[in-house]
Protein backbone atom coordinates (compact mmCIF):
# COMPACT_ATOMS: atom_id res chain seq x y z
CA LEU A 1 -39.18 -20.24 -3.40
CA GLN A 2 -42.71 -21.28 -4.98
CA PRO A 3 -43.02 -23.94 -8.32
CA GLY A 4 -43.22 -21.48 -11.22
CA THR A 5 -41.19 -18.82 -10.22
CA VAL A 6 -38.97 -17.64 -12.94
CA ILE A 7 -34.98 -16.66 -11.55
CA ASP A 8 -33.15 -15.84 -14.40
CA ARG A 9 -33.50 -18.22 -17.59
CA TYR A 10 -34.70 -21.24 -15.22
CA VAL A 11 -38.33 -21.98 -13.60
CA VAL A 12 -38.23 -23.53 -10.36
CA GLU A 13 -40.39 -26.59 -10.28
CA GLU A 14 -40.21 -27.83 -6.39
CA LEU A 15 -38.38 -27.77 -3.46
CA VAL A 16 -35.75 -31.11 -3.13
CA GLY A 17 -34.61 -30.53 0.09
CA GLN A 18 -33.00 -28.10 2.80
CA GLY A 19 -30.83 -28.25 5.94
CA GLY A 20 -29.80 -25.78 8.21
CA VAL A 21 -27.86 -23.59 5.96
CA ALA A 22 -29.16 -23.88 2.49
CA ALA A 23 -32.47 -25.08 0.45
CA VAL A 24 -31.91 -27.16 -2.86
CA TYR A 25 -34.38 -26.84 -5.76
CA ARG A 26 -35.07 -28.44 -8.82
CA VAL A 27 -35.32 -26.07 -12.00
CA ARG A 28 -35.93 -26.25 -15.48
CA HIS A 29 -34.00 -23.87 -17.85
CA GLN A 30 -36.84 -22.51 -20.05
CA LYS A 31 -35.31 -22.71 -23.17
CA LEU A 32 -33.21 -25.81 -23.47
CA GLY A 33 -35.78 -27.88 -20.97
CA SER A 34 -32.91 -28.97 -19.02
CA ASN A 35 -33.04 -30.45 -14.99
CA HIS A 36 -30.76 -28.43 -12.82
CA ALA A 37 -30.26 -28.14 -8.92
CA LEU A 38 -30.32 -24.66 -7.69
CA LYS A 39 -28.40 -24.13 -4.58
CA LEU A 40 -29.59 -21.12 -2.55
CA ILE A 41 -28.31 -19.87 1.28
CA ARG A 42 -30.18 -18.53 3.79
CA ALA A 43 -28.11 -16.01 5.05
CA SER A 44 -27.42 -12.45 3.68
CA SER A 45 -24.27 -11.25 5.08
CA GLY A 46 -21.61 -10.76 2.62
CA LYS A 47 -18.91 -13.09 3.96
CA VAL A 48 -21.73 -15.66 2.80
CA LYS A 49 -22.03 -14.45 -0.01
CA ASP A 50 -18.39 -14.43 -1.05
CA ARG A 51 -18.31 -17.72 0.63
CA LEU A 52 -20.98 -19.72 -1.42
CA LEU A 53 -19.55 -18.01 -4.42
CA ARG A 54 -16.05 -19.55 -4.12
CA GLU A 55 -17.76 -22.73 -3.45
CA GLY A 56 -19.44 -22.76 -6.47
CA GLN A 57 -15.83 -21.31 -8.35
CA LEU A 58 -13.72 -24.56 -6.79
CA GLN A 59 -16.77 -27.22 -7.32
CA ALA A 60 -16.96 -25.89 -11.29
CA GLU A 61 -13.31 -26.83 -11.48
CA LEU A 62 -13.81 -30.16 -9.65
CA LYS A 63 -14.04 -33.15 -12.36
CA HIS A 64 -15.48 -36.44 -10.48
CA PRO A 65 -18.37 -39.00 -11.16
CA ASN A 66 -19.72 -38.37 -7.69
CA ILE A 67 -19.97 -34.34 -7.88
CA LEU A 68 -22.15 -32.51 -9.55
CA PRO A 69 -20.67 -29.39 -11.08
CA VAL A 70 -21.64 -26.14 -10.71
CA THR A 71 -22.35 -24.45 -14.15
CA ASP A 72 -23.74 -21.09 -13.69
CA VAL A 73 -24.75 -18.52 -11.05
CA VAL A 74 -27.64 -16.66 -10.93
CA ASP A 75 -29.00 -13.81 -8.74
CA VAL A 76 -31.91 -14.46 -6.15
CA GLY A 77 -32.75 -11.28 -4.47
CA GLY A 78 -29.21 -10.13 -4.11
CA MET A 79 -27.72 -13.48 -3.27
CA PRO A 80 -26.45 -15.61 -5.61
CA GLY A 81 -27.78 -19.13 -6.19
CA LEU A 82 -25.10 -21.95 -7.72
CA ILE A 83 -27.06 -23.70 -10.73
CA MET A 84 -25.60 -27.50 -10.91
């Protein structure tokens, strides 16, 4: 994703990091101006899609100072993206 790309109500600002499976971007909420992380998985299979959604559901329930909570899920080209 390029800086300036709009995904739902978030604007991509920069790539923060990437690994073998996922990439994380810094995004900004268009109306609130708040900064968030967007995690995208590179694979496109149904199993991977379901697994990422489950990860988001579990992570949204966790309350720990060292874990970013998942606050939203957005669609990015047919794949879910986790907003943290």
